[in-house]
Every structure is written in C-alpha cells, then in structure tokens.
Amino acid sequence: MTKPFSRRKFLQVLSQTGGAALLGTVAGPSFSVAQQAGSGANIVVVNLLGGLDGLMAYPFYEGPLVDPIAQRLRPSFAQEQSGVLRIDPQTGISSKVGLHPEFAPLVRVAGDKMKIVQGYGIPDNPGRSHDTCQVIMSLGRSDIHGAQKRGFLARLMDLKDWDTLQYWAFEVSNPSDVNTAKKAPVQLRDLESFGYRGTYWEDRAQVSLAGKLKRDLLELQQERGELAGKFLYENRVLHDTAGLVQRSIINQEVGSNDAGDYDDESSVGVQLRDIAKIIRSKETRRDLTYAGKDQVFLVSQTGYDTHSDQANPHRAEKSLSGRLRELSTNLATFYRDMQLFGVARKTYVILYSEFGRTLYQNAPANYATAGTDHGYGSTTIVLGGNISSGVIGEPPTLAEIQDEQFNALRPRIDYRNIFAEVFSEVLGVAPELVFPDSSYRYEKLGILS
C-alpha cells in the first residue's frame, strides 16, 4: 500500500518544481481553443485594506455639511472646496460630494464613466474590527457562523462554472475569496515571479525546456491514489499555466500611454500592469481558452489604516493623499490601456474597503500626526463599462455627522448591492445566488446606465 502525499510534501515538491510563487494551487483549465462563451467582460475588484476614510477621499464641497466638517470634525484634513473634483449630475442633492484632488489622473480618463456611491457598508453594525469586517465582506453574508467559508467571488466562479484562468487573484488577504468548491482560481503575487527563472546563460527556449522537464519529472513519482492523482493533475495545470504566462502574457506591451505608466515600485501598480497584460493577451491571442470569456481580477492595496499622519506633509507618501495618488495614477494608466485596447466598454472597476473612519479626527488641529480611527459607513466609486457619471445614495444629516458618541457614518446602502448589480447586469448571475444570506434583499442602485 502506497503512502499518500501529505500537505507538507505537496508544498515541498511544489516549491522544488518552480511553483513557489503561486500562493495556492490551480486546477482545471484546458489549453486548447474553447467555445466562445460569455461577453468577454473584465471585472476588476480593488480591495483597499485598512479602512479608507471616505469623508476625506470623497469630500463634500457644497451644502450644509461643509463647514461643520472643516471647522469642528476635521480641522486638520479639511479640503479646500475649490480643489475638490466634481462629478455631475447631482440634481436635488443638498450636500454635493466630489473626489480628492489626487484622483485627478483617473478623472481625466474616466470621469464620464464614474459613479460615486455614498453611504455604503455592512448592515447591522458588525463592529469595527478589521478582521471581522474583512471576513464578512469576503463571505458576502452576515450569518458567518456555521456557514460555508466560501467568499462571494469564489461563489461567483462556482456558479458560472468558470475555468481557472477566468479568475485571477493577486496578493490574497482573505482565503475565503478563493475558496472555490469546483475549479480553483489562479493565485499569485505577480506575473514576473510566477514561472521558471533561468540563469543568466540560458535563453528563453532553454528556460521553457527546463519547465517542461520539471513537469515531466513529476510523472515519475510512484505514489498512487486519489490524493496523489490530484497532486499530479494540479501540478500539470500549474506548469501549463506558468508556460502560458511566459509565452502569451508576460511579454505583452502595456502602459507608457498618454495617461502615464505603471509604478513598478507600487504593489497596486504591478498588479494592474499584470492584469492589463492578461486582458491584452485575451484580445490579441484568440487561440487562448479565455479569449472571449468573462474574467474577474482581485487586486489589493494596503495603507488605509490612518490612525496617524493622515495628512502629515512630512510623511506625504504614507499619508492618505499618498495612497490615493498611487491608486489614481495606476488606475488611470490601466483604464487608458483598456481604452487603447478597445475593451473599456466591457471593463468595470469596483473599489471597496472594509469600513470607513471616525467622523472626528483623533488629535487637536495643530497636531500634524492627527488621524482617524475605525468607523463604519463610507463612500466608494465604480467606473467603466456603460456607467455614466453621477452620485448614488443620500448624504448624512447634520445631526448624524455631529454624533460624537457613535462617531461614524451609518451606511444606507448594503455593500453587496454594488457587486450584485454589476454581476447581475454584466454576468447575468442572480444576486440571491451570489449572496445567499437569508436576510439579504437585493436593491438595484442604478450604477449602470
């Protein structure tokens, strides 16, 4: 009787065979031409980790909330009204909301395809813990105890019966985001580290051959049984995917367009650059299995837990403005690439964060190190596709923002409705299947035109 592979042995061999950069296993894609199912939509989900301060990133520039926020709540962070970037129309809204000046690069290329969604968050006030709110948002349900630990993105992939290469997850922070029941998504840090690294004297053909030999060597292992078979199968897929990245994806030319270039010193820049390469390969290589098919990409950016130095000019890159600048410039380059590739009409970008920040800053006005603490509701944007500019949701009341005891925005929009509308309208998936929480009731927001 042969001994099955242990998880430790699996990971050890995976590392030895050049797959260490893949942070999870992949399973299921074929690499021959498939039937062209779906519309070829690209949905990019950007998780802003740490709790983005929606009041600062999307400030009010007109109406009764402007002065109280500037004079009493946040004297260190108040944005000059003249500098706020404006999205129209906002007919009938008393307190008008815009975007932080650092969003200027993105507004220049996508301002007419951008919806601001204010007052979104997790229903029922789940607390202000990063971990709790991240888990709830990832799962897409509030009844998390005893529920399947499968995130809504993983559930989407299962419902659509997608092939592996239709869901790419970069720098996964919530395991439930990729905990599919069927085929697994591709999980990785970045494309450059995924694949086979040659020595300086090896050319591309030699490196490719080395990868093939490593895969072939796996066939010589003697273990048998269900677990060993799964191990071999998933490793074949891993090596085939690595080869695909090297042959058809990694050398795609992206960026360096009239909106700028991707910042290779920025994690979110590297992730968006890699996604642009995958999407361009889909458009230029019609023989690939994911050509013409829908795809989802999960991206993350850290640095939004701004308990201090939220607007400190002496630590500009660590401030919220620095984070937004990094996000905006790379998203602008990405969206301009989508326009140049002819796929902007079927590309959607959804930003979200686990919660907002407190209404009141946590230090006196003359403290440069002032910041905000964990809050509740927040504001975000969705852009691309057939979205038209505008604002969704109602601003808070004056009494709400001056509530020092609760000290946070109360969401009026269930965060799931943002994703549900895009998934249902673009991918044709019923919201109640993606979000099976018994208490959830889908409400269309009007994000898409």
Protein backbone atom coordinates (compact mmCIF):
# COMPACT_ATOMS: atom_id res chain seq x y z
CA MET A 1 0.00 0.00 0.00
CA THR A 2 1.48 3.33 -1.02
CA LYS A 3 1.59 6.32 1.23
CA PRO A 4 -0.46 9.36 0.09
CA PHE A 5 1.06 12.82 -0.22
CA SER A 6 0.88 14.99 2.88
CA ARG A 7 0.20 18.73 2.52
CA ARG A 8 3.77 19.39 3.67
CA LYS A 9 5.12 17.07 0.99
CA PHE A 10 2.84 18.68 -1.58
CA LEU A 11 4.14 22.17 -0.83
CA GLN A 12 7.73 20.95 -0.71
CA VAL A 13 7.53 19.39 -4.17
CA LEU A 14 5.57 22.40 -5.43
CA SER A 15 8.42 24.66 -4.36
CA GLN A 16 11.03 22.39 -5.92
CA THR A 17 9.18 22.36 -9.23
CA GLY A 18 9.14 26.11 -9.70
CA GLY A 19 5.65 26.81 -8.34
CA ALA A 20 6.54 28.53 -5.07
CA ALA A 21 5.45 31.92 -6.36
CA LEU A 22 1.92 30.65 -6.84
CA LEU A 23 0.35 31.19 -3.45
CA GLY A 24 -2.22 28.45 -3.95
CA THR A 25 -2.88 25.63 -6.36
CA VAL A 26 -4.72 25.91 -9.62
CA ALA A 27 -6.87 23.32 -11.27
CA GLY A 28 -8.96 22.79 -14.29
CA PRO A 29 -8.12 24.83 -17.38
CA SER A 30 -7.62 23.27 -20.77
CA PHE A 31 -5.14 24.99 -23.03
CA SER A 32 -6.81 24.29 -26.35
CA VAL A 33 -9.32 26.52 -28.09
CA ALA A 34 -12.67 26.56 -26.32
CA GLN A 35 -16.10 27.70 -27.43
CA GLN A 36 -16.51 31.43 -27.05
CA ALA A 37 -18.92 31.73 -24.13
CA GLY A 38 -19.73 34.96 -22.32
CA SER A 39 -19.26 38.56 -23.41
CA GLY A 40 -15.57 38.88 -22.59
CA ALA A 41 -16.24 41.27 -19.70
CA ASN A 42 -13.40 42.22 -17.34
CA ILE A 43 -14.32 42.97 -13.73
CA VAL A 44 -11.52 44.32 -11.56
CA VAL A 45 -12.22 44.31 -7.81
CA VAL A 46 -9.86 46.53 -5.81
CA ASN A 47 -9.77 45.89 -2.05
CA LEU A 48 -8.45 48.95 -0.19
CA LEU A 49 -7.18 47.37 3.01
CA GLY A 50 -7.26 49.16 6.32
CA GLY A 51 -10.47 51.17 6.12
CA LEU A 52 -10.48 54.03 3.61
CA ASP A 53 -11.57 57.40 5.02
CA GLY A 54 -14.48 58.12 2.71
CA LEU A 55 -15.04 61.61 4.08
CA MET A 56 -11.54 62.67 3.07
CA ALA A 57 -11.25 60.70 -0.17
CA TYR A 58 -14.69 61.90 -1.32
CA PRO A 59 -15.22 65.28 0.38
CA PHE A 60 -18.33 67.46 0.36
CA TYR A 61 -17.78 70.73 -1.47
CA GLU A 62 -21.19 72.39 -1.27
CA GLY A 63 -24.06 72.40 1.20
CA PRO A 64 -24.68 72.39 4.97
CA LEU A 65 -22.09 69.70 5.82
CA VAL A 66 -19.03 71.53 4.52
CA ASP A 67 -18.41 74.00 7.35
CA PRO A 68 -19.11 71.66 10.31
CA ILE A 69 -16.71 69.05 8.91
CA ALA A 70 -14.00 71.61 8.22
CA GLN A 71 -14.32 73.62 11.42
CA ARG A 72 -15.30 71.09 14.06
CA LEU A 73 -14.83 67.48 12.95
CA ARG A 74 -11.62 67.60 10.90
CA PRO A 75 -9.80 70.90 11.03
CA SER A 76 -6.53 69.18 10.02
CA PHE A 77 -7.98 67.42 6.98
CA ALA A 78 -10.48 69.89 5.55
CA GLN A 79 -10.17 70.03 1.79
CA GLU A 80 -10.40 73.41 0.11
CA GLN A 81 -13.71 73.41 -1.74
CA SER A 82 -12.10 74.80 -4.88
CA GLY A 83 -9.78 71.78 -5.12
CA VAL A 84 -12.47 69.09 -4.95
CA LEU A 85 -13.01 67.27 -8.27
CA ARG A 86 -16.66 67.38 -9.22
CA ILE A 87 -18.83 64.67 -10.72
CA ASP A 88 -22.15 65.66 -12.23
CA PRO A 89 -25.08 65.45 -12.25
CA GLN A 90 -26.09 65.81 -8.58
CA THR A 91 -29.52 67.30 -9.10
CA GLY A 92 -31.57 67.63 -5.94
CA ILE A 93 -28.74 66.62 -3.58
CA SER A 94 -28.27 69.26 -0.86
CA SER A 95 -24.72 68.32 0.09
CA LYS A 96 -22.68 67.73 -3.04
CA VAL A 97 -19.80 65.23 -2.94
CA GLY A 98 -16.70 65.05 -5.11
CA LEU A 99 -13.27 63.44 -5.23
CA HIS A 100 -9.98 64.25 -3.56
CA PRO A 101 -7.61 66.23 -5.83
CA GLU A 102 -5.28 63.21 -6.04
CA PHE A 103 -7.93 61.47 -8.16
CA ALA A 104 -7.27 63.96 -10.97
CA PRO A 105 -5.38 61.49 -13.25
CA LEU A 106 -8.24 59.00 -13.05
CA VAL A 107 -10.95 61.62 -13.51
CA ARG A 108 -9.21 62.88 -16.66
CA VAL A 109 -9.57 59.49 -18.40
CA ALA A 110 -12.69 58.04 -16.74
CA GLY A 111 -14.62 60.92 -15.17
CA ASP A 112 -17.57 60.44 -17.51
CA LYS A 113 -17.69 56.71 -16.63
CA MET A 114 -17.66 57.01 -12.85
CA LYS A 115 -20.34 56.65 -10.18
CA ILE A 116 -19.75 57.79 -6.61
CA VAL A 117 -21.66 55.58 -4.17
CA GLN A 118 -22.00 57.25 -0.79
CA GLY A 119 -23.20 55.69 2.43
CA TYR A 120 -22.33 52.04 1.70
CA GLY A 121 -21.22 49.42 4.20
CA ILE A 122 -22.06 46.24 6.07
CA PRO A 123 -25.61 46.19 7.50
CA ASP A 124 -26.40 45.77 11.19
CA ASN A 125 -23.25 47.38 12.65
CA PRO A 126 -20.95 44.33 12.96
CA GLY A 127 -18.29 46.17 14.95
CA ARG A 128 -15.09 47.89 13.91
CA SER A 129 -12.58 45.08 13.72
CA HIS A 130 -10.51 44.79 10.53
CA ASP A 131 -10.60 41.01 10.59
CA THR A 132 -14.32 40.71 11.32
CA CYS A 133 -15.37 43.19 8.65
CA GLN A 134 -12.97 41.75 6.07
CA VAL A 135 -14.34 38.23 6.67
CA ILE A 136 -17.96 39.39 6.49
CA MET A 137 -17.35 41.31 3.27
CA SER A 138 -15.40 38.46 1.71
CA LEU A 139 -18.11 35.92 2.53
CA GLY A 140 -20.87 38.27 1.43
CA ARG A 141 -23.09 37.22 4.30
CA SER A 142 -23.73 38.22 7.89
CA ASP A 143 -24.60 34.72 9.17
CA ILE A 144 -20.95 33.67 9.09
CA HIS A 145 -21.06 31.22 11.99
CA GLY A 146 -21.56 27.73 10.65
CA ALA A 147 -21.81 28.99 7.07
CA GLN A 148 -19.62 27.67 4.29
CA LYS A 149 -16.41 29.67 4.33
CA ARG A 150 -16.70 30.44 0.65
CA GLY A 151 -16.38 34.05 -0.39
CA PHE A 152 -18.76 35.68 -2.85
CA LEU A 153 -16.08 35.87 -5.56
CA ALA A 154 -15.39 32.15 -5.13
CA ARG A 155 -19.13 31.51 -5.16
CA LEU A 156 -19.45 33.51 -8.37
CA MET A 157 -16.79 31.37 -10.03
CA ASP A 158 -18.57 28.18 -8.96
CA LEU A 159 -21.97 29.43 -10.13
CA LYS A 160 -20.58 30.29 -13.56
CA ASP A 161 -18.60 27.02 -13.68
CA TRP A 162 -15.60 29.03 -14.80
CA ASP A 163 -12.26 27.68 -15.89
CA THR A 164 -9.27 28.51 -13.70
CA LEU A 165 -7.97 31.26 -15.98
CA GLN A 166 -11.19 33.25 -15.66
CA TYR A 167 -10.43 34.34 -12.09
CA TRP A 168 -7.00 35.74 -11.14
CA ALA A 169 -6.43 36.74 -7.51
CA PHE A 170 -3.38 38.83 -6.64
CA GLU A 171 -1.93 39.01 -3.11
CA VAL A 172 -4.92 37.33 -1.46
CA SER A 173 -5.59 38.56 2.08
CA ASN A 174 -8.85 36.66 2.70
CA PRO A 175 -8.62 32.91 1.96
CA SER A 176 -12.39 32.77 1.51
CA ASP A 177 -12.02 34.97 -1.60
CA VAL A 178 -10.53 31.98 -3.43
CA ASN A 179 -12.10 29.04 -1.56
CA THR A 180 -14.00 27.62 -4.53
CA ALA A 181 -15.80 24.27 -4.42
CA LYS A 182 -15.03 23.45 -8.06
CA LYS A 183 -12.04 24.71 -10.02
CA ALA A 184 -9.58 26.93 -8.20
CA PRO A 185 -8.63 30.42 -9.39
CA VAL A 186 -5.07 31.45 -10.15
CA GLN A 187 -3.49 32.90 -7.00
CA LEU A 188 -0.20 34.74 -7.27
CA ARG A 189 1.81 37.71 -6.17
CA ASP A 190 2.71 38.94 -9.65
CA LEU A 191 3.43 37.55 -13.10
CA GLU A 192 7.18 38.18 -13.03
CA SER A 193 7.68 35.84 -10.09
CA PHE A 194 5.34 33.20 -11.48
CA GLY A 195 7.06 30.70 -13.75
CA TYR A 196 10.55 29.43 -14.38
CA ARG A 197 13.60 31.54 -13.71
CA GLY A 198 16.62 30.76 -15.80
CA THR A 199 20.25 31.52 -15.14
CA TYR A 200 21.98 34.32 -17.00
CA TRP A 201 23.41 31.98 -19.66
CA GLU A 202 20.06 30.35 -20.54
CA ASP A 203 17.96 31.76 -23.35
CA ARG A 204 14.15 31.68 -23.41
CA ALA A 205 14.00 28.32 -25.21
CA GLN A 206 16.23 26.69 -22.60
CA VAL A 207 14.16 28.10 -19.76
CA SER A 208 10.98 26.81 -21.42
CA LEU A 209 12.52 23.38 -21.87
CA ALA A 210 13.55 23.31 -18.21
CA GLY A 211 9.95 23.97 -17.25
CA LYS A 212 8.73 21.11 -19.43
CA LEU A 213 11.30 18.75 -17.93
CA LYS A 214 10.25 19.69 -14.41
CA ARG A 215 6.67 18.84 -15.28
CA ASP A 216 7.67 15.56 -16.93
CA LEU A 217 9.71 14.56 -13.88
CA LEU A 218 6.55 14.66 -11.80
CA GLU A 219 5.19 11.75 -13.82
CA LEU A 220 7.97 9.53 -12.45
CA GLN A 221 6.78 9.73 -8.86
CA GLN A 222 5.43 6.39 -7.66
CA GLU A 223 2.64 7.36 -5.30
CA ARG A 224 -0.85 6.29 -6.34
CA GLY A 225 -4.30 7.03 -5.10
CA GLU A 226 -6.78 9.90 -5.17
CA LEU A 227 -4.59 12.46 -3.38
CA ALA A 228 -1.52 11.64 -5.47
CA GLY A 229 -3.61 11.87 -8.63
CA LYS A 230 -4.93 15.27 -7.58
CA PHE A 231 -1.38 16.38 -6.83
CA LEU A 232 -0.18 15.37 -10.30
CA TYR A 233 -3.15 16.89 -12.05
CA GLU A 234 -2.87 20.23 -10.28
CA ASN A 235 0.85 20.37 -10.91
CA ARG A 236 0.35 19.74 -14.62
CA VAL A 237 -2.04 22.67 -14.64
CA LEU A 238 0.41 24.78 -12.65
CA HIS A 239 3.21 24.15 -15.12
CA ASP A 240 0.93 24.68 -18.10
CA THR A 241 -0.23 27.99 -16.63
CA ALA A 242 3.35 29.04 -15.99
CA GLY A 243 4.17 28.25 -19.60
CA LEU A 244 1.16 30.23 -20.78
CA VAL A 245 2.27 33.23 -18.75
CA GLN A 246 5.75 33.05 -20.26
CA ARG A 247 4.58 32.53 -23.86
CA SER A 248 1.49 34.62 -24.23
CA ILE A 249 1.11 37.05 -21.33
CA ILE A 250 4.29 38.35 -19.79
CA ASN A 251 5.67 39.96 -22.98
CA GLN A 252 2.52 41.91 -23.79
CA GLU A 253 3.24 45.62 -24.12
CA VAL A 254 1.14 47.72 -21.75
CA GLY A 255 1.40 51.11 -20.06
CA SER A 256 3.57 54.03 -21.16
CA ASN A 257 0.45 55.66 -22.58
CA ASP A 258 -0.69 59.27 -22.51
CA ALA A 259 -2.13 58.82 -19.00
CA GLY A 260 1.26 57.72 -17.61
CA ASP A 261 2.88 54.41 -16.77
CA TYR A 262 2.51 51.76 -14.11
CA ASP A 263 4.62 52.25 -11.00
CA ASP A 264 6.71 49.13 -10.54
CA GLU A 265 7.59 50.29 -7.02
CA SER A 266 3.90 50.12 -6.13
CA SER A 267 2.18 46.83 -5.40
CA VAL A 268 -1.12 48.02 -6.87
CA GLY A 269 0.74 49.30 -9.92
CA VAL A 270 2.35 45.89 -10.51
CA GLN A 271 -0.98 44.12 -10.08
CA LEU A 272 -2.81 46.41 -12.51
CA ARG A 273 0.03 46.14 -15.02
CA ASP A 274 -0.22 42.35 -14.90
CA ILE A 275 -3.99 42.42 -15.32
CA ALA A 276 -3.58 44.68 -18.35
CA LYS A 277 -1.21 42.08 -19.84
CA ILE A 278 -3.69 39.25 -19.24
CA ILE A 279 -6.53 41.25 -20.80
CA ARG A 280 -4.42 42.24 -23.79
CA SER A 281 -3.41 38.62 -24.33
CA LYS A 282 -7.11 37.77 -24.38
CA GLU A 283 -7.67 40.32 -27.11
CA THR A 284 -4.59 39.53 -29.22
CA ARG A 285 -4.42 35.74 -28.89
CA ARG A 286 -7.77 34.36 -29.97
CA ASP A 287 -6.47 30.80 -29.58
CA LEU A 288 -6.33 31.11 -25.78
CA THR A 289 -9.02 29.34 -23.80
CA TYR A 290 -10.15 32.52 -22.07
CA ALA A 291 -10.43 34.56 -25.30
CA GLY A 292 -13.95 35.96 -25.49
CA LYS A 293 -14.77 34.86 -21.95
CA ASP A 294 -15.66 36.85 -18.84
CA GLN A 295 -12.91 37.31 -16.25
CA VAL A 296 -12.64 38.62 -12.69
CA PHE A 297 -9.46 40.02 -11.16
CA LEU A 298 -8.89 40.66 -7.45
CA VAL A 299 -6.42 43.40 -6.52
CA SER A 300 -5.43 44.83 -3.15
CA GLN A 301 -3.76 47.98 -1.88
CA THR A 302 -2.68 48.49 1.72
CA GLY A 303 -2.08 51.60 3.80
CA TYR A 304 -5.55 52.91 4.62
CA ASP A 305 -5.46 52.33 8.38
CA THR A 306 -4.69 56.00 9.01
CA HIS A 307 -4.70 56.28 12.80
CA SER A 308 -1.92 58.84 12.44
CA ASP A 309 -0.25 61.03 9.80
CA GLN A 310 -3.41 61.08 7.74
CA ALA A 311 -2.48 64.44 6.25
CA ASN A 312 1.06 64.91 7.56
CA PRO A 313 3.07 66.85 4.93
CA HIS A 314 6.29 65.47 6.40
CA ARG A 315 5.20 61.90 5.62
CA ALA A 316 3.44 62.57 2.35
CA GLU A 317 3.85 59.09 0.83
CA LYS A 318 2.41 57.44 3.95
CA SER A 319 -0.48 59.89 4.17
CA LEU A 320 -3.91 59.25 2.70
CA SER A 321 -3.08 61.62 -0.14
CA GLY A 322 -0.06 59.48 -1.00
CA ARG A 323 -2.15 56.31 -1.04
CA LEU A 324 -4.78 57.93 -3.25
CA ARG A 325 -2.13 59.29 -5.62
CA GLU A 326 -0.66 55.81 -6.03
CA LEU A 327 -4.11 54.33 -6.62
CA SER A 328 -5.29 57.01 -9.02
CA THR A 329 -2.21 57.20 -11.24
CA ASN A 330 -2.04 53.44 -11.72
CA LEU A 331 -5.80 53.11 -12.29
CA ALA A 332 -5.62 55.94 -14.84
CA THR A 333 -2.87 54.13 -16.76
CA PHE A 334 -4.87 50.90 -16.57
CA TYR A 335 -8.13 52.43 -17.78
CA ARG A 336 -6.35 54.27 -20.59
CA ASP A 337 -4.84 50.92 -21.63
CA MET A 338 -8.35 49.47 -21.72
CA GLN A 339 -9.45 52.33 -23.96
CA LEU A 340 -6.48 51.83 -26.28
CA PHE A 341 -7.09 48.06 -26.40
CA GLY A 342 -10.74 48.69 -27.32
CA VAL A 343 -12.15 46.95 -24.23
CA ALA A 344 -13.08 49.88 -21.94
CA ARG A 345 -16.76 49.34 -22.78
CA LYS A 346 -16.62 45.88 -21.19
CA THR A 347 -14.24 46.61 -18.31
CA TYR A 348 -15.54 47.53 -14.85
CA VAL A 349 -13.58 48.57 -11.75
CA ILE A 350 -15.11 48.31 -8.27
CA LEU A 351 -13.32 49.82 -5.27
CA TYR A 352 -14.23 48.77 -1.74
CA SER A 353 -12.87 48.87 1.81
CA GLU A 354 -13.93 47.07 4.97
CA PHE A 355 -15.18 50.21 6.74
CA GLY A 356 -14.82 53.99 6.86
CA ARG A 357 -13.16 56.13 9.52
CA THR A 358 -14.39 58.11 12.50
CA LEU A 359 -16.06 61.46 11.90
CA TYR A 360 -13.81 63.32 14.32
CA GLN A 361 -10.05 63.39 13.98
CA ASN A 362 -8.20 61.85 16.92
CA ALA A 363 -5.85 64.72 17.80
CA PRO A 364 -6.01 68.52 18.08
CA ALA A 365 -5.90 70.63 14.95
CA ASN A 366 -2.29 71.69 15.47
CA TYR A 367 -1.00 68.09 15.58
CA ALA A 368 0.48 67.09 12.23
CA THR A 369 0.27 63.45 13.30
CA ALA A 370 -3.53 63.53 13.63
CA GLY A 371 -5.52 60.71 12.09
CA THR A 372 -8.85 58.93 12.36
CA ASP A 373 -9.91 55.65 13.92
CA HIS A 374 -12.08 52.73 12.84
CA GLY A 375 -15.50 53.83 11.65
CA TYR A 376 -18.44 52.24 9.87
CA GLY A 377 -20.02 53.51 6.65
CA SER A 378 -18.04 55.02 3.79
CA THR A 379 -18.03 56.15 0.16
CA THR A 380 -16.60 54.48 -2.93
CA ILE A 381 -16.57 54.58 -6.73
CA VAL A 382 -17.44 52.19 -9.55
CA LEU A 383 -16.25 53.01 -13.04
CA GLY A 384 -16.04 51.77 -16.62
CA GLY A 385 -18.33 49.88 -18.98
CA ASN A 386 -21.58 51.64 -19.73
CA ILE A 387 -21.59 53.56 -16.44
CA SER A 388 -22.40 57.26 -16.67
CA SER A 389 -21.17 59.89 -14.24
CA GLY A 390 -23.18 60.74 -11.16
CA VAL A 391 -23.74 60.09 -7.47
CA ILE A 392 -25.80 57.36 -5.79
CA GLY A 393 -27.01 57.47 -2.22
CA GLU A 394 -28.01 60.23 0.18
CA PRO A 395 -25.57 62.30 2.25
CA PRO A 396 -25.74 62.03 6.03
CA THR A 397 -27.74 64.55 8.01
CA LEU A 398 -26.13 67.29 10.06
CA ALA A 399 -27.25 65.52 13.26
CA GLU A 400 -25.58 62.27 12.13
CA ILE A 401 -22.17 63.79 11.48
CA GLN A 402 -22.21 65.61 14.82
CA ASP A 403 -22.96 62.48 16.84
CA GLU A 404 -19.77 62.35 18.92
CA GLN A 405 -20.77 59.19 20.75
CA PHE A 406 -21.25 56.98 17.66
CA ASN A 407 -18.61 58.96 15.75
CA ALA A 408 -19.06 57.27 12.37
CA LEU A 409 -21.21 57.35 9.24
CA ARG A 410 -24.16 54.96 9.22
CA PRO A 411 -24.47 53.14 5.89
CA ARG A 412 -27.73 53.32 3.98
CA ILE A 413 -26.57 51.06 1.14
CA ASP A 414 -25.73 47.38 1.58
CA TYR A 415 -22.26 46.91 0.06
CA ARG A 416 -23.49 43.68 -1.58
CA ASN A 417 -25.85 45.65 -3.82
CA ILE A 418 -22.86 47.27 -5.53
CA PHE A 419 -21.36 43.93 -6.53
CA ALA A 420 -24.75 42.32 -7.14
CA GLU A 421 -25.75 44.95 -9.69
CA VAL A 422 -22.54 44.57 -11.69
CA PHE A 423 -22.64 40.77 -11.51
CA SER A 424 -26.31 40.54 -12.49
CA GLU A 425 -26.23 43.16 -15.24
CA VAL A 426 -22.86 42.22 -16.74
CA LEU A 427 -22.51 38.50 -15.97
CA GLY A 428 -26.16 37.51 -15.74
CA VAL A 429 -25.93 35.99 -12.25
CA ALA A 430 -28.89 36.30 -9.87
CA PRO A 431 -27.91 38.34 -6.78
CA GLU A 432 -29.52 35.90 -4.34
CA LEU A 433 -27.27 33.12 -5.63
CA VAL A 434 -24.07 35.11 -5.17
CA PHE A 435 -25.26 36.40 -1.78
CA PRO A 436 -27.37 33.59 -0.27
CA ASP A 437 -27.75 35.21 3.16
CA SER A 438 -31.39 34.68 4.18
CA SER A 439 -31.67 38.28 5.35
CA TYR A 440 -30.31 39.81 2.14
CA ARG A 441 -32.70 41.59 -0.22
CA TYR A 442 -31.26 42.92 -3.46
CA GLU A 443 -31.97 46.55 -4.34
CA LYS A 444 -30.83 47.86 -7.69
CA LEU A 445 -28.88 51.09 -7.22
CA GLY A 446 -28.71 52.33 -10.81
CA ILE A 447 -24.94 52.14 -11.13
CA LEU A 448 -25.09 51.01 -14.74
CA SER A 449 -26.75 53.16 -17.37
